[in-house]
Structure formats: C-alpha cells, structure tokens
Amino acid sequence: MTIIDGKKISDEIKSELKIKVEEAKSKGLGVPGLTAILVGEDPASQVYVNSKNKACEKIGMNSVVEILPEKTAETELIEIVRKYNADKNTNGILVQLPLPSHISEQKVIEAILPEKDVDGFHPVNVGKLVIGLETFYPCTPYGIVELLKRYKIETSGKHVVVVGRSNIVGKPIANMLLQKNENANSIVTVVHSAAKDISEFTKHADILIAAIGKPNFITAGMVKEGVTVIDVGINRIDSPESKKGYKIVGDVDFDSVSQKAAYITPVPGGVGRMTIAMLLQNTYNAFIKQNEI
C-alpha cells in the first residue's frame, strides 16, 4: 500500500510555480495577482483565505484580501467583484463560500469574468469542462487529477466510482475523468444518497473517490483489493484523547481500508493540501492567458 502524499505534491507544484513567477518577473512580464473576497467572520473561511494569502506570498504572487462585513449587500459585493474584473493587476478572483444567506452565491459567481474565475465555478467554465474545452478546473478535482497523474496511477479504461454529486467536487471530477484524453478516459459511475446500497457500486471501483462529508463512511467491506482510494472528506469528530478535544478524519475509514488499498490518500495530508496549490496554478494560467504570454 502506498500513501499518496498530498503535502509533498503540493509543495512540488508551489516550487515549480515560484520558478515560473520569478522568470516572468525577470523578463518584465509582470506578476500574477489573486484577489480573495471574504464576507463575514466565519472562522474556517478566515483560516482558508489567510492560507491562500500566505501561499501567494511564498511563491511571489501578488495577493489582495478584501474582508467585508456580514451585512454587506449583494449589490455592493457584486460591484466590488466588477471592480476587480476591471483591475489589470488582478488575474484571478475568488469569493469565499459560503456567503451569508441574504446573498445569492450564483449571482456573485456569475458576476466574475469567466477568464478570472480561478475557482472554476462560473457556468461558462463549467460548460467548457463538460464538453472538454480548455478551462479553469475547480481546484479540488484538479488536485485529484494531479495526484493520480504524479503517482502514475492508470486511469484509462479504469472504473472510477465517485461517491457524492456536489458542484464543487463530485460532478466536476466525474466530468474530468470522463474526457477522452491523457490522465482521464475512465468509465465513471456517480453514486449518491438515492442509492439503496452504495457498496453495490463501490465494491467494483478501481479508483474510488469519496466526497460526501460523512466521517469514516467507506469501510473495508465496501472496497475491493488493490483499489486506489481518494478521500476528499474533511470531518471533525470528538476525540477526548486529543488535546483539542477533536480530530480530523476523512470519509474513508483509513485504518481498515488501507489494508486493502494499493494507493490511498490520508486525512489530513492528502487532497486538502492540493486545493490551494491548484488555485495558484489556475491563477498563473490566468496570468499567462490574459497577458498572451
């Protein structure tokens, strides 16, 4: 069994990007810029946005963090998005989700120019993904594909079972792995809560991607020998023996499933580490395209 090390691969990607950013600077081509907009004081969102900001600084990208009050009006937020749409120093824009309930996430996402939508959520970019055109891929699915690629895990002709159908992970990763190209070309099944017995599907997976938000849901009895397991879940559960009183676990029961898997991602230290790395990759790609480099 091989543990797929998301920290190692994400560090590799960041190091590669740092070299590319320094090269662009040295040639006088400018500096990639990412703007993150946070509405409210959600602690998890604050931590995530701060991590993005630090990651940008480490590789030499420009980073702007716009923090807005919880009561910010939807119209005001959209005007701020439009301001950064017009800002030539901003190559990528992300609005941290979730947003307060009085703001339509879809309206805000659609306000971002598709060419600056480095989260890959704009309907234009989603449509391009589905029909196989070059686009910005949502960062977590993009990270999954990169892990499979860098660990040289064969995907062509393999049965991939995706557990979960979210717009952020389940649907995009299914569509990405369906494409007839390198590091994809898979036979994909998407299974979700409507299934009477999810294990009927997961037992046949060559590659199992779990993204349902249920701690330790996938057990050894639900997978076959030699499976590759990608665990997207990040769940906090009580743990009296921990100093914090809790621990972070995935959607997969790592201890039991790892006994049958050929490859498996840990939680933490797996897919989660890749999300910010791929956001930086998308921002660099946006910089290249917008400047026609």
Protein backbone atom coordinates (compact mmCIF):
# COMPACT_ATOMS: atom_id res chain seq x y z
CA MET A 1 0.00 0.00 0.00
CA THR A 2 1.27 3.43 -0.99
CA ILE A 3 0.14 6.57 0.81
CA ILE A 4 -0.48 9.38 -1.67
CA ASP A 5 1.29 12.35 -0.10
CA GLY A 6 -0.67 15.50 -0.90
CA LYS A 7 1.71 17.72 1.05
CA LYS A 8 4.70 16.52 -0.97
CA ILE A 9 2.97 17.02 -4.33
CA SER A 10 1.51 20.41 -3.38
CA ASP A 11 4.97 21.59 -2.29
CA GLU A 12 6.37 20.43 -5.64
CA ILE A 13 3.73 22.41 -7.53
CA LYS A 14 4.34 25.53 -5.47
CA SER A 15 8.10 25.24 -6.05
CA GLU A 16 7.53 24.91 -9.81
CA LEU A 17 5.25 27.95 -9.79
CA LYS A 18 7.73 30.00 -7.79
CA ILE A 19 10.33 29.45 -10.51
CA LYS A 20 7.83 30.42 -13.23
CA VAL A 21 6.74 33.57 -11.35
CA GLU A 22 10.36 34.63 -10.83
CA GLU A 23 11.06 34.03 -14.52
CA ALA A 24 8.08 36.20 -15.54
CA LYS A 25 9.32 38.98 -13.23
CA SER A 26 12.86 38.79 -14.59
CA LYS A 27 11.55 39.15 -18.15
CA GLY A 28 9.46 42.18 -17.21
CA LEU A 29 6.20 40.37 -17.93
CA GLY A 30 4.58 41.32 -14.64
CA VAL A 31 3.38 39.38 -11.61
CA PRO A 32 0.32 37.12 -11.30
CA GLY A 33 -2.28 38.54 -8.95
CA LEU A 34 -5.05 36.87 -6.94
CA THR A 35 -7.86 38.68 -5.12
CA ALA A 36 -9.86 36.87 -2.44
CA ILE A 37 -13.09 38.39 -1.13
CA LEU A 38 -14.41 37.27 2.24
CA VAL A 39 -17.82 38.31 3.55
CA GLY A 40 -18.39 37.88 7.29
CA GLU A 41 -16.35 36.31 10.05
CA ASP A 42 -16.69 32.56 9.52
CA PRO A 43 -13.57 31.13 11.27
CA ALA A 44 -12.99 28.31 8.75
CA SER A 45 -13.27 30.74 5.84
CA GLN A 46 -10.86 33.16 7.53
CA VAL A 47 -8.27 30.42 8.01
CA TYR A 48 -8.64 29.30 4.40
CA VAL A 49 -8.33 32.81 2.95
CA ASN A 50 -5.28 33.52 5.13
CA SER A 51 -3.69 30.28 3.91
CA LYS A 52 -4.26 31.35 0.30
CA ASN A 53 -2.72 34.74 1.01
CA LYS A 54 0.40 33.21 2.61
CA ALA A 55 0.77 30.71 -0.23
CA CYS A 56 0.70 33.54 -2.78
CA GLU A 57 3.35 35.48 -0.88
CA LYS A 58 5.64 32.45 -0.64
CA ILE A 59 5.77 31.95 -4.40
CA GLY A 60 5.94 35.67 -5.21
CA MET A 61 2.39 36.25 -6.46
CA ASN A 62 0.52 39.44 -5.61
CA SER A 63 -2.31 38.82 -3.19
CA VAL A 64 -5.22 41.03 -2.17
CA VAL A 65 -7.66 40.05 0.57
CA GLU A 66 -10.87 42.08 0.75
CA ILE A 67 -12.77 41.48 4.01
CA LEU A 68 -16.36 42.73 4.08
CA PRO A 69 -18.91 42.90 6.91
CA GLU A 70 -21.50 40.14 7.29
CA LYS A 71 -24.29 42.62 6.42
CA THR A 72 -22.75 43.65 3.08
CA ALA A 73 -25.50 43.97 0.48
CA GLU A 74 -25.50 41.66 -2.53
CA THR A 75 -25.36 44.65 -4.90
CA GLU A 76 -22.35 46.06 -3.07
CA LEU A 77 -20.49 42.74 -3.26
CA ILE A 78 -21.19 42.46 -6.99
CA GLU A 79 -19.87 46.00 -7.53
CA ILE A 80 -16.64 45.04 -5.72
CA VAL A 81 -16.32 41.95 -7.93
CA ARG A 82 -16.75 44.16 -11.00
CA LYS A 83 -14.05 46.50 -9.72
CA TYR A 84 -11.57 43.62 -9.68
CA ASN A 85 -12.85 42.39 -13.06
CA ALA A 86 -11.56 45.69 -14.44
CA ASP A 87 -8.29 45.63 -12.47
CA LYS A 88 -5.41 44.60 -14.76
CA ASN A 89 -3.29 43.59 -11.76
CA THR A 90 -5.91 41.03 -10.70
CA ASN A 91 -5.68 37.86 -12.80
CA GLY A 92 -7.82 35.69 -10.57
CA ILE A 93 -10.84 36.43 -8.38
CA LEU A 94 -12.40 34.16 -5.81
CA VAL A 95 -15.28 34.91 -3.50
CA GLN A 96 -15.01 32.68 -0.46
CA LEU A 97 -18.03 30.43 0.02
CA PRO A 98 -20.37 30.04 1.79
CA LEU A 99 -21.82 33.54 1.64
CA PRO A 100 -24.35 34.96 4.10
CA SER A 101 -27.90 33.78 3.39
CA HIS A 102 -29.10 37.14 2.03
CA ILE A 103 -26.60 36.95 -0.86
CA SER A 104 -27.12 34.74 -3.92
CA GLU A 105 -23.96 32.71 -4.43
CA GLN A 106 -24.92 32.03 -8.05
CA LYS A 107 -25.36 35.73 -8.88
CA VAL A 108 -21.98 36.53 -7.37
CA ILE A 109 -20.23 33.67 -9.17
CA GLU A 110 -21.76 34.79 -12.47
CA ALA A 111 -20.54 38.36 -11.83
CA ILE A 112 -16.91 37.19 -12.01
CA LEU A 113 -15.44 37.31 -15.51
CA PRO A 114 -15.00 33.70 -16.74
CA GLU A 115 -11.36 34.47 -17.60
CA LYS A 116 -10.73 35.45 -13.95
CA ASP A 117 -12.81 32.66 -12.38
CA VAL A 118 -9.91 30.69 -10.87
CA ASP A 119 -12.31 28.63 -8.72
CA GLY A 120 -13.81 27.21 -11.92
CA PHE A 121 -17.42 27.77 -10.79
CA HIS A 122 -18.72 30.15 -13.49
CA PRO A 123 -21.30 28.43 -15.76
CA VAL A 124 -19.15 29.24 -18.80
CA ASN A 125 -16.19 27.37 -17.31
CA VAL A 126 -18.40 24.53 -16.08
CA GLY A 127 -19.80 24.17 -19.60
CA LYS A 128 -16.33 24.13 -21.13
CA LEU A 129 -15.28 21.43 -18.66
CA VAL A 130 -18.24 19.23 -19.61
CA ILE A 131 -17.59 19.40 -23.36
CA GLY A 132 -13.84 19.03 -22.97
CA LEU A 133 -12.59 22.52 -23.81
CA GLU A 134 -9.64 24.14 -22.07
CA THR A 135 -10.86 25.97 -18.97
CA PHE A 136 -10.27 26.57 -15.27
CA TYR A 137 -10.92 23.37 -13.35
CA PRO A 138 -12.36 23.55 -9.82
CA CYS A 139 -9.36 23.34 -7.53
CA THR A 140 -10.11 20.18 -5.53
CA PRO A 141 -10.94 17.99 -8.57
CA TYR A 142 -7.93 19.50 -10.35
CA GLY A 143 -5.81 18.43 -7.39
CA ILE A 144 -7.19 14.88 -7.52
CA VAL A 145 -6.28 14.53 -11.19
CA GLU A 146 -2.80 15.90 -10.47
CA LEU A 147 -2.26 13.37 -7.66
CA LEU A 148 -3.29 10.49 -9.94
CA LYS A 149 -1.00 11.83 -12.66
CA ARG A 150 2.07 12.35 -10.48
CA TYR A 151 1.72 8.94 -8.83
CA LYS A 152 1.39 7.43 -12.33
CA ILE A 153 -1.93 5.76 -11.46
CA GLU A 154 -3.56 4.48 -14.66
CA THR A 155 -6.99 5.96 -15.33
CA SER A 156 -7.68 4.98 -18.95
CA GLY A 157 -10.32 2.25 -19.06
CA LYS A 158 -10.48 2.06 -15.26
CA HIS A 159 -13.77 2.08 -13.38
CA VAL A 160 -13.94 5.24 -11.26
CA VAL A 161 -16.70 5.43 -8.68
CA VAL A 162 -17.40 8.90 -7.30
CA VAL A 163 -19.39 8.97 -4.06
CA GLY A 164 -21.07 12.37 -3.96
CA ARG A 165 -22.54 14.73 -6.55
CA SER A 166 -21.65 18.23 -5.34
CA ASN A 167 -20.93 21.02 -7.82
CA ILE A 168 -17.56 21.56 -6.14
CA VAL A 169 -16.17 18.00 -6.26
CA GLY A 170 -18.44 15.16 -7.36
CA LYS A 171 -19.80 16.46 -10.67
CA PRO A 172 -16.60 18.13 -11.91
CA ILE A 173 -14.27 15.21 -11.09
CA ALA A 174 -16.67 12.82 -12.83
CA ASN A 175 -16.66 15.01 -15.93
CA MET A 176 -12.89 15.50 -15.88
CA LEU A 177 -12.18 11.77 -15.72
CA LEU A 178 -14.71 11.04 -18.47
CA GLN A 179 -12.80 13.11 -21.02
CA LYS A 180 -11.01 11.28 -23.82
CA ASN A 181 -7.54 12.50 -23.00
CA GLU A 182 -4.42 11.64 -21.04
CA ASN A 183 -4.86 11.15 -17.28
CA ALA A 184 -8.60 10.53 -17.81
CA ASN A 185 -10.56 8.33 -20.27
CA SER A 186 -12.20 6.46 -17.40
CA ILE A 187 -15.51 4.66 -17.06
CA VAL A 188 -17.22 6.75 -14.39
CA THR A 189 -20.08 5.95 -12.03
CA VAL A 190 -21.50 8.64 -9.75
CA VAL A 191 -23.32 7.27 -6.70
CA HIS A 192 -25.17 9.28 -4.07
CA SER A 193 -27.77 9.21 -1.30
CA ALA A 194 -30.53 7.88 -3.59
CA ALA A 195 -28.72 4.53 -3.86
CA LYS A 196 -30.24 1.84 -1.65
CA ASP A 197 -26.84 0.23 -1.13
CA ILE A 198 -23.81 2.33 -2.07
CA SER A 199 -21.50 -0.65 -1.54
CA GLU A 200 -23.02 -2.35 -4.61
CA PHE A 201 -21.16 0.28 -6.63
CA THR A 202 -18.06 0.95 -4.53
CA LYS A 203 -17.06 -2.73 -4.50
CA HIS A 204 -16.47 -2.55 -8.26
CA ALA A 205 -14.29 0.57 -8.22
CA ASP A 206 -10.72 0.51 -9.49
CA ILE A 207 -10.50 4.10 -8.27
CA LEU A 208 -12.83 5.27 -5.52
CA ILE A 209 -13.32 8.99 -4.85
CA ALA A 210 -15.22 9.70 -1.62
CA ALA A 211 -16.71 13.19 -1.27
CA ILE A 212 -19.85 13.02 0.84
CA GLY A 213 -18.94 14.64 4.16
CA LYS A 214 -19.67 11.62 6.36
CA PRO A 215 -16.83 10.59 8.70
CA ASN A 216 -15.38 7.09 8.15
CA PHE A 217 -18.33 6.18 5.90
CA ILE A 218 -16.36 3.98 3.48
CA THR A 219 -15.22 0.80 5.22
CA ALA A 220 -13.06 -2.15 4.15
CA GLY A 221 -16.14 -4.23 3.29
CA MET A 222 -17.13 -1.65 0.67
CA VAL A 223 -13.98 -1.86 -1.47
CA LYS A 224 -12.06 -4.50 -3.40
CA GLU A 225 -8.43 -5.50 -3.06
CA GLY A 226 -5.99 -3.23 -4.90
CA VAL A 227 -8.30 -0.22 -5.12
CA THR A 228 -6.99 3.34 -5.32
CA VAL A 229 -8.81 5.47 -2.75
CA ILE A 230 -9.05 9.26 -2.92
CA ASP A 231 -10.60 10.66 0.26
CA VAL A 232 -11.90 14.21 -0.14
CA GLY A 233 -13.71 14.35 3.20
CA ILE A 234 -12.66 16.68 5.99
CA ASN A 235 -14.75 15.93 9.09
CA ARG A 236 -14.27 17.00 12.69
CA ILE A 237 -15.19 14.35 15.26
CA ASP A 238 -14.93 14.29 19.06
CA SER A 239 -11.71 12.84 20.40
CA PRO A 240 -11.31 13.07 24.19
CA GLU A 241 -7.71 11.78 23.98
CA SER A 242 -6.74 14.73 21.74
CA LYS A 243 -5.53 17.98 23.30
CA LYS A 244 -8.02 19.89 21.12
CA GLY A 245 -10.86 17.55 22.04
CA TYR A 246 -11.41 16.62 18.40
CA LYS A 247 -9.62 15.17 15.41
CA ILE A 248 -9.98 15.49 11.64
CA VAL A 249 -10.94 12.39 9.68
CA GLY A 250 -12.00 11.69 6.11
CA ASP A 251 -15.00 10.00 4.56
CA VAL A 252 -12.97 6.77 4.47
CA ASP A 253 -12.11 4.58 7.47
CA PHE A 254 -8.40 4.81 6.79
CA ASP A 255 -7.25 2.09 9.21
CA SER A 256 -9.38 -0.66 7.68
CA VAL A 257 -9.48 0.43 4.04
CA SER A 258 -5.73 0.95 3.85
CA GLN A 259 -5.32 -2.78 4.47
CA LYS A 260 -6.92 -3.48 1.06
CA ALA A 261 -5.92 -0.44 -0.98
CA ALA A 262 -2.98 -0.20 -3.37
CA TYR A 263 -2.98 3.60 -3.04
CA ILE A 264 -4.78 5.82 -0.54
CA THR A 265 -4.82 9.48 0.48
CA PRO A 266 -4.62 10.29 4.19
CA VAL A 267 -6.71 12.91 6.00
CA PRO A 268 -5.21 15.31 6.78
CA GLY A 269 -2.26 15.49 4.37
CA GLY A 270 -3.96 14.29 1.21
CA VAL A 271 -6.36 16.03 -1.16
CA GLY A 272 -6.88 19.05 1.08
CA ARG A 273 -3.27 20.10 0.61
CA MET A 274 -3.78 20.20 -3.14
CA THR A 275 -6.63 22.68 -3.28
CA ILE A 276 -4.59 25.83 -2.67
CA ALA A 277 -1.75 24.60 -4.91
CA MET A 278 -4.18 24.22 -7.81
CA LEU A 279 -5.72 27.62 -7.09
CA LEU A 280 -2.25 29.10 -7.53
CA GLN A 281 -1.82 27.08 -10.72
CA ASN A 282 -5.13 28.43 -12.07
CA THR A 283 -4.07 31.98 -11.18
CA TYR A 284 -0.78 31.57 -13.01
CA ASN A 285 -2.61 30.10 -16.03
CA ALA A 286 -4.97 33.11 -15.98
CA PHE A 287 -1.98 35.46 -15.90
CA ILE A 288 -0.44 33.72 -18.92
CA LYS A 289 -3.67 33.85 -20.94
CA GLN A 290 -4.59 37.43 -20.07
CA ASN A 291 -1.14 38.67 -20.99
CA GLU A 292 -0.94 36.43 -24.09
CA ILE A 293 2.42 35.09 -22.99
